[in-house]
N, C-alpha and C. Protein backbone atom coordinates (compact mmCIF):
# COMPACT_ATOMS: atom_id res chain seq x y z
N UNK A 1 1.00 -1.25 -0.23
CA UNK A 1 -0.07 -0.27 -0.06
C UNK A 1 1.09 0.86 0.14
N UNK A 2 0.47 1.74 -0.48
CA UNK A 2 1.24 3.55 -0.80
C UNK A 2 1.01 4.37 0.12
N UNK A 3 2.65 4.61 0.92
CA UNK A 3 2.91 5.26 1.97
C UNK A 3 3.26 7.09 1.63
N UNK A 4 2.70 8.29 2.14
CA UNK A 4 3.60 9.38 2.13
C UNK A 4 4.41 9.80 3.08
N UNK A 5 5.58 9.66 2.30
CA UNK A 5 6.17 10.18 3.36
C UNK A 5 7.55 10.89 3.50
N UNK A 6 7.79 11.82 4.18
CA UNK A 6 8.71 12.95 4.59
C UNK A 6 10.08 12.12 4.66
N UNK A 7 11.51 12.80 4.50
CA UNK A 7 12.32 12.49 4.55
C UNK A 7 13.16 14.10 5.18
N UNK A 8 14.17 14.38 5.70
CA UNK A 8 14.40 15.87 6.13
C UNK A 8 15.32 15.79 6.62
N UNK A 9 16.43 16.29 6.27
CA UNK A 9 17.60 16.96 7.72
C UNK A 9 17.41 18.18 8.42
N UNK A 10 17.82 18.34 9.39
CA UNK A 10 17.43 19.04 10.51
C UNK A 10 18.60 19.37 11.35
N UNK A 11 18.04 20.73 11.45
CA UNK A 11 19.13 21.07 12.56
C UNK A 11 18.40 20.64 14.37
N UNK A 12 19.43 20.88 15.25
CA UNK A 12 18.88 20.82 16.50
C UNK A 12 17.39 21.76 17.07
N UNK A 13 18.19 23.16 16.41
CA UNK A 13 16.85 23.49 16.58
C UNK A 13 16.14 24.07 15.65
N UNK A 14 15.68 22.84 14.83
CA UNK A 14 14.41 23.05 14.06
C UNK A 14 14.39 23.52 12.31
N UNK A 15 15.54 23.75 11.53
CA UNK A 15 15.88 24.48 11.13
C UNK A 15 16.04 23.54 9.90
N UNK A 16 15.09 23.83 8.43
CA UNK A 16 15.59 22.25 7.58
C UNK A 16 16.64 23.52 6.09
N UNK A 17 16.78 24.35 6.29
CA UNK A 17 17.43 25.31 5.73
C UNK A 17 18.20 26.24 6.36
N UNK A 18 19.25 27.45 6.42
CA UNK A 18 19.37 28.19 6.88
C UNK A 18 18.79 29.28 6.20
N UNK A 19 19.45 30.43 6.92
CA UNK A 19 18.69 32.11 6.26
C UNK A 19 19.57 32.34 5.24
N UNK A 20 18.75 33.33 4.12
CA UNK A 20 19.26 34.04 3.13
C UNK A 20 19.66 32.99 2.15
N UNK A 21 19.00 31.77 1.48
CA UNK A 21 18.34 30.98 1.18
C UNK A 21 18.82 32.51 -0.70
N UNK A 22 19.32 31.76 -1.47
CA UNK A 22 19.76 32.63 -2.90
C UNK A 22 20.22 30.89 -4.04
N UNK A 23 20.05 31.82 -5.17
CA UNK A 23 20.47 30.81 -6.36
C UNK A 23 21.86 30.04 -5.38
N UNK A 24 22.73 31.03 -5.07
CA UNK A 24 24.22 31.16 -4.57
C UNK A 24 24.34 29.89 -3.97
N UNK A 25 23.33 30.15 -2.68
CA UNK A 25 23.73 29.32 -1.76
C UNK A 25 21.80 28.96 -1.28
N UNK A 26 21.71 27.92 -2.13
CA UNK A 26 19.57 27.29 -2.34
C UNK A 26 19.83 26.39 -0.30
N UNK A 27 20.48 25.93 0.39
CA UNK A 27 20.24 25.61 1.70
C UNK A 27 20.41 26.63 2.70
N UNK A 28 20.96 27.96 2.34
CA UNK A 28 20.94 29.05 2.53
C UNK A 28 22.51 28.95 3.38
N UNK A 29 22.47 29.94 4.51
CA UNK A 29 23.40 30.36 5.28
C UNK A 29 23.84 29.09 6.21
N UNK A 30 24.95 28.43 6.26
CA UNK A 30 25.13 27.32 6.90
C UNK A 30 24.29 25.45 6.59
N UNK A 31 23.25 26.02 5.55
CA UNK A 31 22.74 24.98 5.66
C UNK A 31 23.20 23.71 5.07
N UNK A 32 24.22 23.65 4.68
CA UNK A 32 24.83 22.34 3.91
C UNK A 32 25.69 21.78 5.08
N UNK A 33 25.70 22.29 6.31
CA UNK A 33 26.02 21.50 7.39
C UNK A 33 25.20 20.23 7.63
N UNK A 34 23.87 20.45 7.16
CA UNK A 34 23.04 19.24 7.61
C UNK A 34 23.18 17.91 7.13
N UNK A 35 23.59 18.43 5.36
CA UNK A 35 23.50 17.20 5.01
C UNK A 35 25.43 16.54 4.90
N UNK A 36 26.03 17.09 5.60
CA UNK A 36 27.52 16.49 5.94
C UNK A 36 27.72 14.47 5.48
N UNK A 37 26.80 14.25 6.51
CA UNK A 37 26.41 13.01 6.97
C UNK A 37 26.31 12.20 5.54
N UNK A 38 25.12 12.58 4.50
CA UNK A 38 25.24 12.27 3.62
C UNK A 38 26.40 12.31 2.51
N UNK A 39 27.13 14.02 2.40
CA UNK A 39 28.34 13.28 1.52
C UNK A 39 29.03 12.49 1.75
N UNK A 40 29.48 12.05 3.18
CA UNK A 40 30.39 11.01 3.37
C UNK A 40 29.98 9.77 3.35
N UNK A 41 28.48 9.77 3.37
CA UNK A 41 28.12 8.18 2.33
C UNK A 41 29.04 7.64 1.12
N UNK A 42 29.28 8.75 0.53
CA UNK A 42 30.07 8.19 -0.92
C UNK A 42 31.62 8.34 -0.67
N UNK A 43 31.89 8.40 1.08
CA UNK A 43 33.24 7.80 0.79
C UNK A 43 33.37 6.85 1.40
N UNK A 44 34.64 6.43 1.25
CA UNK A 44 35.78 4.98 1.89
C UNK A 44 35.72 5.48 3.57
N UNK A 45 35.36 4.23 4.18
CA UNK A 45 35.40 4.46 5.30
C UNK A 45 33.64 4.75 5.95
N UNK A 46 32.59 4.95 5.07
CA UNK A 46 30.97 5.70 5.67
C UNK A 46 30.97 4.92 7.30
N UNK A 47 29.87 5.24 7.70
CA UNK A 47 29.38 5.03 8.88
C UNK A 47 28.30 3.71 8.23
N UNK A 48 28.35 2.75 8.58
CA UNK A 48 27.59 1.81 7.97
C UNK A 48 25.89 2.53 8.39
N UNK A 49 25.84 2.68 9.54
CA UNK A 49 24.45 2.78 9.86
C UNK A 49 24.22 4.22 8.95
N UNK A 50 24.48 5.07 8.81
CA UNK A 50 24.64 6.07 7.67
C UNK A 50 24.00 5.80 6.15
N UNK A 51 25.16 4.33 6.03
CA UNK A 51 24.56 3.94 4.72
C UNK A 51 23.64 3.44 4.45
N UNK A 52 22.97 2.60 5.68
CA UNK A 52 21.38 1.92 5.44
C UNK A 52 20.98 2.66 5.43
N UNK A 53 20.72 3.93 6.11
CA UNK A 53 19.68 5.22 6.29
C UNK A 53 19.51 5.90 4.84
N UNK A 54 20.84 6.00 4.24
CA UNK A 54 20.63 6.77 2.96
C UNK A 54 20.13 6.03 2.06
N UNK A 55 20.10 4.69 1.60
CA UNK A 55 19.38 3.46 1.09
C UNK A 55 18.46 3.49 1.04
N UNK A 56 17.77 3.41 1.99
CA UNK A 56 16.14 3.69 2.46
C UNK A 56 15.70 4.81 1.77
N UNK A 57 16.36 6.44 2.08
CA UNK A 57 16.12 7.34 1.43
C UNK A 57 14.99 7.17 0.11
N UNK A 58 15.83 6.30 -1.09
CA UNK A 58 15.21 6.48 -2.54
C UNK A 58 14.54 4.82 -2.68
N UNK A 59 14.30 3.62 -1.76
CA UNK A 59 14.36 2.41 -1.60
C UNK A 59 12.81 2.95 -1.65
N UNK A 60 11.55 1.62 -2.91
CA UNK A 60 10.24 1.75 -2.16
C UNK A 60 9.46 3.39 -3.27
N UNK A 61 10.40 4.17 -3.40
CA UNK A 61 9.62 5.29 -3.98
C UNK A 61 9.37 5.39 -5.30
N UNK A 62 8.02 5.83 -5.80
CA UNK A 62 7.45 5.84 -6.92
C UNK A 62 7.22 7.50 -7.17
N UNK A 63 7.05 8.72 -6.42
CA UNK A 63 7.36 9.92 -6.72
C UNK A 63 7.24 10.61 -6.13
N UNK A 64 7.74 12.08 -6.59
CA UNK A 64 8.47 13.13 -5.64
C UNK A 64 7.40 13.70 -5.90
N UNK A 65 7.35 14.98 -4.62
CA UNK A 65 6.30 16.24 -4.33
C UNK A 65 7.15 16.86 -4.03
N UNK A 66 7.51 18.07 -4.78
CA UNK A 66 8.23 19.54 -3.78
C UNK A 66 7.93 20.74 -4.09
N UNK A 67 8.38 21.56 -3.53
CA UNK A 67 7.69 22.88 -3.71
C UNK A 67 8.58 23.65 -4.73
N UNK A 68 8.26 24.54 -5.04
CA UNK A 68 8.79 26.06 -6.13
C UNK A 68 10.32 26.09 -5.35
N UNK A 69 10.40 26.25 -4.66
CA UNK A 69 11.31 26.68 -4.10
C UNK A 69 12.56 25.95 -4.08
N UNK A 70 12.47 24.15 -3.56
CA UNK A 70 13.21 23.53 -4.10
C UNK A 70 13.49 23.35 -4.95
N UNK A 71 12.64 23.35 -6.21
CA UNK A 71 13.17 23.31 -7.48
C UNK A 71 13.75 24.35 -7.62
N UNK A 72 13.87 25.25 -7.44
CA UNK A 72 14.86 26.44 -7.53
C UNK A 72 14.09 27.47 -8.83
N UNK A 73 15.01 28.48 -9.28
CA UNK A 73 14.94 29.37 -10.15
C UNK A 73 14.20 30.52 -9.94
N UNK A 74 14.31 30.83 -8.69
CA UNK A 74 13.56 32.00 -7.87
C UNK A 74 12.29 32.39 -8.30
N UNK A 75 11.33 33.40 -7.63
CA UNK A 75 9.67 33.33 -7.31
C UNK A 75 9.18 33.83 -8.61
N UNK A 76 7.92 34.08 -8.83
CA UNK A 76 7.72 35.14 -10.59
C UNK A 76 7.61 33.67 -11.36
N UNK A 77 7.21 33.87 -12.40
CA UNK A 77 7.36 33.45 -13.70
C UNK A 77 8.24 32.66 -14.05
N UNK A 78 8.14 31.56 -14.66
CA UNK A 78 9.60 30.90 -14.92
C UNK A 78 10.07 32.07 -16.00
N UNK A 79 11.16 31.94 -16.37
CA UNK A 79 12.09 32.75 -17.24
C UNK A 79 12.22 31.95 -18.71
N UNK A 80 12.22 32.53 -19.53
CA UNK A 80 11.74 31.87 -21.11
C UNK A 80 13.15 31.75 -22.01
N UNK A 81 14.08 33.13 -21.71
CA UNK A 81 15.22 32.57 -22.16
C UNK A 81 16.38 31.69 -21.87
N UNK A 82 16.31 31.71 -20.74
CA UNK A 82 16.91 30.56 -20.28
C UNK A 82 16.16 29.62 -19.27
N UNK A 83 15.77 29.04 -19.66
CA UNK A 83 14.77 28.12 -18.16
C UNK A 83 15.43 27.82 -17.41
N UNK A 84 14.83 27.38 -15.95
CA UNK A 84 15.73 27.34 -14.67
C UNK A 84 15.64 25.58 -14.98
N UNK A 85 16.34 25.12 -15.05
CA UNK A 85 15.98 23.17 -15.06
C UNK A 85 16.81 22.71 -13.70
N UNK A 86 16.80 23.30 -12.40
CA UNK A 86 16.78 22.73 -11.44
C UNK A 86 18.53 22.90 -11.10
N UNK A 87 18.51 22.17 -9.81
CA UNK A 87 19.77 22.18 -9.40
C UNK A 87 20.95 21.26 -9.87
N UNK A 88 20.16 20.10 -10.72
CA UNK A 88 20.81 18.41 -10.62
C UNK A 88 22.04 18.09 -11.65
N UNK A 89 21.50 19.65 -12.75
CA UNK A 89 22.59 19.36 -14.17
C UNK A 89 21.05 18.30 -14.85
N UNK A 90 21.76 17.24 -15.50
CA UNK A 90 21.76 16.92 -16.77
C UNK A 90 21.09 15.66 -16.31
N UNK A 91 21.48 15.24 -15.26
CA UNK A 91 20.71 13.49 -14.50
C UNK A 91 20.28 13.90 -13.07
N UNK A 92 19.26 14.51 -13.08
CA UNK A 92 18.76 14.64 -11.48
C UNK A 92 18.77 13.14 -10.61
N UNK A 93 18.98 13.60 -9.41
CA UNK A 93 18.49 11.72 -8.71
C UNK A 93 17.39 11.44 -8.41
N UNK A 94 16.33 11.77 -8.97
CA UNK A 94 15.12 11.18 -8.26
C UNK A 94 15.00 10.04 -9.51
N UNK A 95 14.78 9.34 -11.13
CA UNK A 95 14.85 8.67 -11.90
C UNK A 95 13.34 8.36 -11.28
N UNK A 96 12.37 8.99 -10.76
CA UNK A 96 11.27 8.87 -11.08
C UNK A 96 10.31 9.93 -11.46
N UNK A 97 8.72 10.07 -11.75
CA UNK A 97 8.61 11.75 -11.28
C UNK A 97 8.29 12.39 -10.45
N UNK A 98 8.38 13.28 -10.48
CA UNK A 98 8.89 14.67 -9.59
C UNK A 98 7.71 15.76 -9.91
N UNK A 99 6.43 15.92 -9.40
CA UNK A 99 5.61 16.90 -8.92
C UNK A 99 5.88 18.20 -8.44
N UNK A 100 5.97 19.35 -9.01
CA UNK A 100 6.84 20.56 -8.63
C UNK A 100 5.52 21.27 -8.09
N UNK A 101 4.56 21.71 -7.14
CA UNK A 101 4.25 22.99 -6.65
C UNK A 101 4.63 24.29 -7.24
N UNK A 102 3.61 24.79 -7.93
CA UNK A 102 4.25 26.35 -8.14
C UNK A 102 2.82 26.95 -8.94
N UNK A 103 2.87 28.62 -8.65
CA UNK A 103 2.19 28.96 -8.95
C UNK A 103 1.91 29.68 -10.26
N UNK A 104 2.93 29.17 -10.94
CA UNK A 104 3.31 29.98 -12.41
C UNK A 104 3.54 28.23 -13.67
N UNK A 105 2.22 28.41 -14.68
CA UNK A 105 2.51 27.29 -15.47
C UNK A 105 3.29 27.24 -15.89
N UNK A 106 4.10 26.11 -16.36
CA UNK A 106 5.43 25.47 -16.85
C UNK A 106 4.87 24.07 -17.86
N UNK A 107 5.47 23.84 -18.70
CA UNK A 107 5.71 22.58 -19.95
C UNK A 107 6.31 21.67 -18.91
N UNK A 108 5.87 20.16 -18.61
CA UNK A 108 6.79 19.27 -18.39
C UNK A 108 7.64 19.70 -19.04
N UNK A 109 9.16 19.11 -17.80
CA UNK A 109 10.62 19.65 -17.92
C UNK A 109 11.33 17.45 -17.79
N UNK A 110 11.54 17.22 -18.76
CA UNK A 110 12.68 15.85 -18.82
C UNK A 110 13.73 16.33 -18.71
N UNK A 111 14.40 15.79 -17.84
CA UNK A 111 15.94 15.30 -17.66
C UNK A 111 16.42 14.04 -17.24
N UNK A 112 17.30 13.21 -18.18
CA UNK A 112 17.46 12.14 -17.79
C UNK A 112 16.30 11.51 -17.69
N UNK A 113 16.45 10.55 -17.15
CA UNK A 113 14.48 9.76 -16.74
C UNK A 113 13.94 9.64 -15.81
N UNK A 114 13.47 11.43 -15.53
CA UNK A 114 13.25 11.88 -14.35
C UNK A 114 12.25 13.26 -15.03
N UNK A 115 11.15 12.91 -14.75
CA UNK A 115 10.08 13.97 -15.64
C UNK A 115 9.29 15.22 -14.46
N UNK A 116 9.88 16.13 -14.93
CA UNK A 116 9.13 17.25 -13.82
C UNK A 116 7.63 18.21 -14.34
N UNK A 117 6.72 17.51 -13.54
CA UNK A 117 5.56 17.96 -13.75
C UNK A 117 5.17 19.62 -12.98
N UNK A 118 4.69 20.19 -13.29
CA UNK A 118 4.14 21.67 -12.80
C UNK A 118 3.07 21.58 -12.37
N UNK A 119 2.23 22.18 -11.54
CA UNK A 119 1.48 21.71 -11.04
C UNK A 119 0.61 23.01 -10.13
N UNK A 120 0.35 23.84 -10.85
CA UNK A 120 -0.92 25.32 -10.59
C UNK A 120 -2.06 25.15 -9.31
N UNK A 121 -2.41 23.25 -9.07
CA UNK A 121 -3.99 23.63 -8.84
C UNK A 121 -3.85 23.13 -7.84
N UNK A 122 -2.57 23.32 -6.92
CA UNK A 122 -2.06 23.20 -5.74
C UNK A 122 -1.67 21.73 -4.90
N UNK A 123 -1.51 21.76 -3.55
CA UNK A 123 -0.89 19.93 -2.85
C UNK A 123 -1.95 18.80 -3.11
N UNK A 124 -3.32 19.21 -3.30
CA UNK A 124 -4.01 18.13 -3.12
C UNK A 124 -3.98 17.73 -4.42
N UNK A 125 -4.19 18.60 -5.69
CA UNK A 125 -3.76 17.83 -6.78
C UNK A 125 -2.43 17.33 -6.74
N UNK A 126 -1.24 17.85 -6.79
CA UNK A 126 0.10 17.54 -6.55
C UNK A 126 0.25 16.27 -6.36
N UNK A 127 -0.74 15.82 -5.01
CA UNK A 127 -0.75 14.22 -4.21
C UNK A 127 -1.73 13.28 -5.77
N UNK A 128 -2.76 14.25 -5.36
CA UNK A 128 -3.53 12.77 -6.54
C UNK A 128 -2.68 12.30 -7.93
N UNK A 129 -2.07 13.48 -8.51
CA UNK A 129 -1.23 12.88 -9.79
C UNK A 129 0.25 12.10 -9.31
N UNK A 130 0.61 12.41 -8.25
CA UNK A 130 1.28 11.43 -7.93
C UNK A 130 1.28 9.78 -7.94
N UNK A 131 -0.22 9.95 -7.04
CA UNK A 131 -0.71 8.57 -6.49
C UNK A 131 -1.29 7.79 -7.56
N UNK A 132 -1.21 8.44 -8.94
CA UNK A 132 -1.84 8.12 -10.11
C UNK A 132 -0.64 7.28 -10.83
N UNK A 133 0.47 7.84 -10.12
CA UNK A 133 1.56 7.42 -11.02
C UNK A 133 2.79 6.34 -10.30
N UNK A 134 2.30 6.19 -9.10
CA UNK A 134 3.07 4.84 -8.29
C UNK A 134 2.56 3.33 -8.35
N UNK A 135 1.09 3.14 -8.27
CA UNK A 135 0.96 1.77 -8.04
C UNK A 135 0.90 1.51 -6.79
N UNK A 136 1.73 0.21 -6.32
CA UNK A 136 1.68 0.67 -4.50
C UNK A 136 2.84 0.94 -4.03
N UNK A 137 3.75 1.46 -5.18
CA UNK A 137 5.45 2.21 -4.07
C UNK A 137 4.45 3.91 -3.41
N UNK A 138 5.80 3.60 -3.04
CA UNK A 138 5.41 5.19 -1.71
C UNK A 138 5.31 6.60 -2.60
N UNK A 139 4.93 7.62 -2.33
CA UNK A 139 5.38 9.04 -2.44
C UNK A 139 6.33 9.75 -1.21
N UNK A 140 6.99 10.48 -1.95
CA UNK A 140 8.13 11.03 -1.30
C UNK A 140 7.25 12.72 -0.94
N UNK A 141 7.53 13.08 0.09
CA UNK A 141 7.52 15.14 0.24
C UNK A 141 9.10 15.49 0.09
N UNK A 142 9.23 15.33 -0.65
CA UNK A 142 10.86 16.18 -0.61
C UNK A 142 10.78 17.18 0.06
N UNK A 143 9.50 18.59 -0.10
CA UNK A 143 10.40 19.62 0.34
C UNK A 143 10.60 20.84 -0.49
N UNK A 144 10.23 21.64 -0.08
CA UNK A 144 11.16 22.40 0.99
C UNK A 144 9.94 22.55 2.36
N UNK A 145 10.50 23.42 3.63
CA UNK A 145 9.65 23.20 4.15
C UNK A 145 8.38 24.14 3.73
N UNK A 146 7.98 24.38 3.86
CA UNK A 146 6.82 25.19 3.74
C UNK A 146 5.94 23.72 2.99
N UNK A 147 6.49 23.03 2.09
CA UNK A 147 5.44 22.13 1.38
C UNK A 147 5.58 20.94 2.14
N UNK A 148 6.16 20.32 3.09
CA UNK A 148 5.92 19.16 4.42
C UNK A 148 4.83 20.27 5.33
N UNK A 149 5.02 20.64 5.41
CA UNK A 149 3.96 21.56 6.99
C UNK A 149 2.64 22.02 5.77
N UNK A 150 2.22 21.95 4.78
CA UNK A 150 1.15 21.88 4.08
C UNK A 150 0.87 20.08 4.46
N UNK A 151 1.43 19.01 4.03
CA UNK A 151 1.44 18.01 4.02
C UNK A 151 0.72 17.94 5.48
N UNK A 152 1.61 17.85 6.20
CA UNK A 152 1.36 17.48 7.38
C UNK A 152 0.14 17.98 8.35
N UNK A 153 0.01 19.25 7.67
CA UNK A 153 -1.50 19.84 7.91
C UNK A 153 -2.65 19.41 7.74
N UNK A 154 -2.45 18.97 6.02
CA UNK A 154 -3.79 18.43 5.93
C UNK A 154 -4.15 16.43 6.21
N UNK A 155 -3.08 15.72 6.92
CA UNK A 155 -3.07 14.45 7.77
C UNK A 155 -2.84 13.42 6.78
N UNK A 156 -2.06 13.90 5.60
CA UNK A 156 -1.78 12.95 4.81
C UNK A 156 -0.88 12.01 5.10
N UNK A 157 0.41 12.13 5.88
CA UNK A 157 1.90 11.84 5.69
C UNK A 157 1.46 10.77 6.62
N UNK A 158 2.25 9.67 6.43
CA UNK A 158 2.38 8.38 7.05
C UNK A 158 3.48 7.99 7.68
N UNK A 159 4.37 8.65 7.17
CA UNK A 159 5.93 8.39 7.74
C UNK A 159 7.06 9.85 7.53
N UNK A 160 7.47 10.24 9.31
CA UNK A 160 8.22 11.45 8.88
C UNK A 160 9.84 10.56 9.64
N UNK A 161 10.48 10.85 8.45
CA UNK A 161 11.93 10.53 8.88
C UNK A 161 12.02 11.98 9.40
N UNK A 162 13.75 12.31 10.48
CA UNK A 162 14.50 13.72 10.42
C UNK A 162 15.50 12.60 10.82
N UNK A 163 16.82 13.65 10.39
CA UNK A 163 18.07 13.06 10.37
C UNK A 163 18.33 14.48 11.05
N UNK A 164 18.62 14.33 12.36
CA UNK A 164 19.03 15.78 13.05
C UNK A 164 20.51 15.60 13.04
N UNK A 165 20.98 17.08 12.87
CA UNK A 165 22.61 17.01 12.54
C UNK A 165 22.94 17.79 14.18
N UNK A 166 23.58 17.68 14.63
CA UNK A 166 24.29 18.53 16.16
C UNK A 166 24.94 19.81 15.79
N UNK A 167 24.15 20.48 15.02
CA UNK A 167 24.13 21.84 14.14
C UNK A 167 22.91 22.92 14.27
N UNK A 168 23.24 24.19 15.12
CA UNK A 168 22.80 25.54 15.25
C UNK A 168 22.39 26.17 14.31
N UNK A 169 21.64 26.62 13.61
CA UNK A 169 21.54 27.45 12.52
C UNK A 169 21.37 28.79 12.92
N UNK A 170 20.14 28.53 13.88
CA UNK A 170 19.75 30.06 14.48
C UNK A 170 18.46 30.86 13.82
N UNK A 171 18.29 30.34 12.52
CA UNK A 171 17.21 31.10 11.42
C UNK A 171 17.01 30.24 10.33
N UNK A 172 16.10 30.28 9.45
CA UNK A 172 15.94 29.74 8.38
C UNK A 172 14.68 29.50 8.11
N UNK A 173 14.27 28.31 7.42
CA UNK A 173 12.89 27.67 7.54
C UNK A 173 12.69 26.89 8.27
N UNK A 174 11.85 26.58 8.66
CA UNK A 174 11.17 25.29 9.69
C UNK A 174 10.10 24.08 8.78
N UNK A 175 10.11 23.17 9.23
CA UNK A 175 8.98 22.61 8.14
C UNK A 175 7.63 22.58 9.66
N UNK A 176 7.68 22.72 10.87
CA UNK A 176 6.38 22.36 11.60
C UNK A 176 5.68 23.93 11.70
N UNK A 177 6.73 24.98 10.95
CA UNK A 177 6.01 26.76 11.14
C UNK A 177 4.05 26.02 10.99
N UNK A 178 3.29 26.59 11.88
CA UNK A 178 1.97 26.66 11.31
C UNK A 178 1.46 25.37 11.58
N UNK A 179 2.42 24.32 12.33
CA UNK A 179 2.15 22.46 12.19
C UNK A 179 1.71 22.24 13.51
N UNK A 180 0.68 22.47 14.47
CA UNK A 180 0.00 22.27 15.33
C UNK A 180 -0.46 20.75 16.26
N UNK A 181 -0.80 20.57 17.54
CA UNK A 181 -0.95 19.50 17.93
C UNK A 181 -2.52 18.78 17.47
N UNK A 182 -3.15 19.62 16.84
CA UNK A 182 -4.52 19.28 16.11
C UNK A 182 -4.15 18.90 14.86
N UNK A 183 -2.78 18.60 13.94
CA UNK A 183 -3.03 18.33 13.15
C UNK A 183 -2.03 16.74 13.23
N UNK A 184 -1.06 16.95 13.87
CA UNK A 184 -0.22 15.18 13.64
C UNK A 184 -0.01 14.71 15.29
N UNK A 185 -0.28 13.68 15.12
CA UNK A 185 0.32 13.27 16.46
C UNK A 185 1.54 12.12 15.78
N UNK A 186 2.72 12.17 16.45
CA UNK A 186 3.75 10.92 16.24
C UNK A 186 4.00 10.01 17.62
N UNK A 187 4.86 8.97 16.63
CA UNK A 187 5.27 7.74 17.51
C UNK A 187 6.59 7.24 17.05
N UNK A 188 7.35 7.14 18.38
CA UNK A 188 8.89 7.00 17.41
C UNK A 188 8.52 5.72 17.24
N UNK A 189 9.60 5.39 15.48
CA UNK A 189 8.70 3.70 15.72
C UNK A 189 10.51 3.04 15.02
N UNK A 190 11.72 3.94 14.95
CA UNK A 190 13.13 3.70 15.36
C UNK A 190 13.92 5.02 15.39
N UNK A 191 15.18 4.92 16.16
CA UNK A 191 16.24 5.80 16.35
C UNK A 191 17.32 4.81 16.37
N UNK A 192 18.09 5.26 15.44
CA UNK A 192 19.58 5.13 14.94
C UNK A 192 20.58 6.02 14.62
N UNK A 193 21.37 6.25 15.64
CA UNK A 193 22.15 6.80 15.83
C UNK A 193 24.08 6.62 15.28
N UNK A 194 24.68 7.73 14.75
CA UNK A 194 25.96 7.74 14.35
C UNK A 194 26.07 8.64 14.61
N UNK A 195 28.11 9.01 14.49
CA UNK A 195 28.84 9.91 15.19
C UNK A 195 28.26 10.94 14.62
N UNK A 196 27.66 11.16 13.81
CA UNK A 196 27.12 13.14 12.37
C UNK A 196 25.66 13.06 12.99
N UNK A 197 25.03 12.11 13.09
CA UNK A 197 23.63 12.44 12.81
C UNK A 197 22.66 11.66 13.44
N UNK A 198 21.25 12.17 14.31
CA UNK A 198 20.99 10.69 14.53
C UNK A 198 19.76 10.85 13.77
N UNK A 199 19.30 9.46 12.78
CA UNK A 199 17.73 9.42 12.28
C UNK A 199 16.86 9.05 13.15
N UNK A 200 16.07 9.30 13.24
CA UNK A 200 14.42 9.10 13.87
C UNK A 200 13.36 9.38 12.98
N UNK A 201 13.08 8.12 13.26
CA UNK A 201 11.61 7.43 11.84
C UNK A 201 10.16 7.80 13.09
N UNK A 202 9.36 8.41 12.59
CA UNK A 202 8.26 8.49 13.23
C UNK A 202 7.33 8.36 12.48
N UNK A 203 6.16 7.05 13.25
CA UNK A 203 5.04 6.88 12.65
C UNK A 203 3.63 8.14 12.73
N UNK A 204 3.51 8.90 11.75
CA UNK A 204 2.70 9.48 12.04
C UNK A 204 1.15 9.32 12.21
N UNK A 205 0.75 9.82 13.34
CA UNK A 205 -0.97 9.08 13.71
C UNK A 205 -1.93 10.30 13.85
N UNK A 206 -3.12 10.44 14.13
CA UNK A 206 -4.11 10.99 13.46
C UNK A 206 -4.64 12.08 14.40
N UNK A 207 -4.20 13.12 14.90
CA UNK A 207 -4.09 14.10 16.12
C UNK A 207 -4.76 13.51 17.51
N UNK A 208 -4.44 13.48 17.99
CA UNK A 208 -5.39 12.81 19.90
C UNK A 208 -5.53 14.17 20.17
């Protein structure tokens, strides 16, 4: 059965991106430190627990949903002279359909074996399209923070994976802004710790 999953790196003070996000610093000031454990996975001597969690990051996912800010390109209408094609180059890491929430229409973008579909009808429609694309596989809400918050408030998320780095960012984007105890309940399902990060998986329950 399809699960709706959120998988997010986060600081101890609750930010998933630092302040002053821009095309030059898409994760904001200091935000790249949240992903140090992922970069280390590709190196020899990587921590086995982190490799396991990294592999799970993509396993069983049939489609992704992300916000305009995560896809990038800045706010407002899409550029037509040099259209933005994401942060990832000609071979994005998704290899599955990606549905991008935006207020501005754009034709689908195909890069490698990934198709980005731009959805202007809101988060419910993006989820509907993702469900139609996945069969029995899972849907991952890839981010950013405001997109995660929208789906948590909608009550559709089944699993929440937080990768907590021992980092303080002080400001930036929080995925739980506007999400209250009346929206979700959380039950710890698994905790895996390594020297760089603590991986916590929660089952998301109906609010109590």
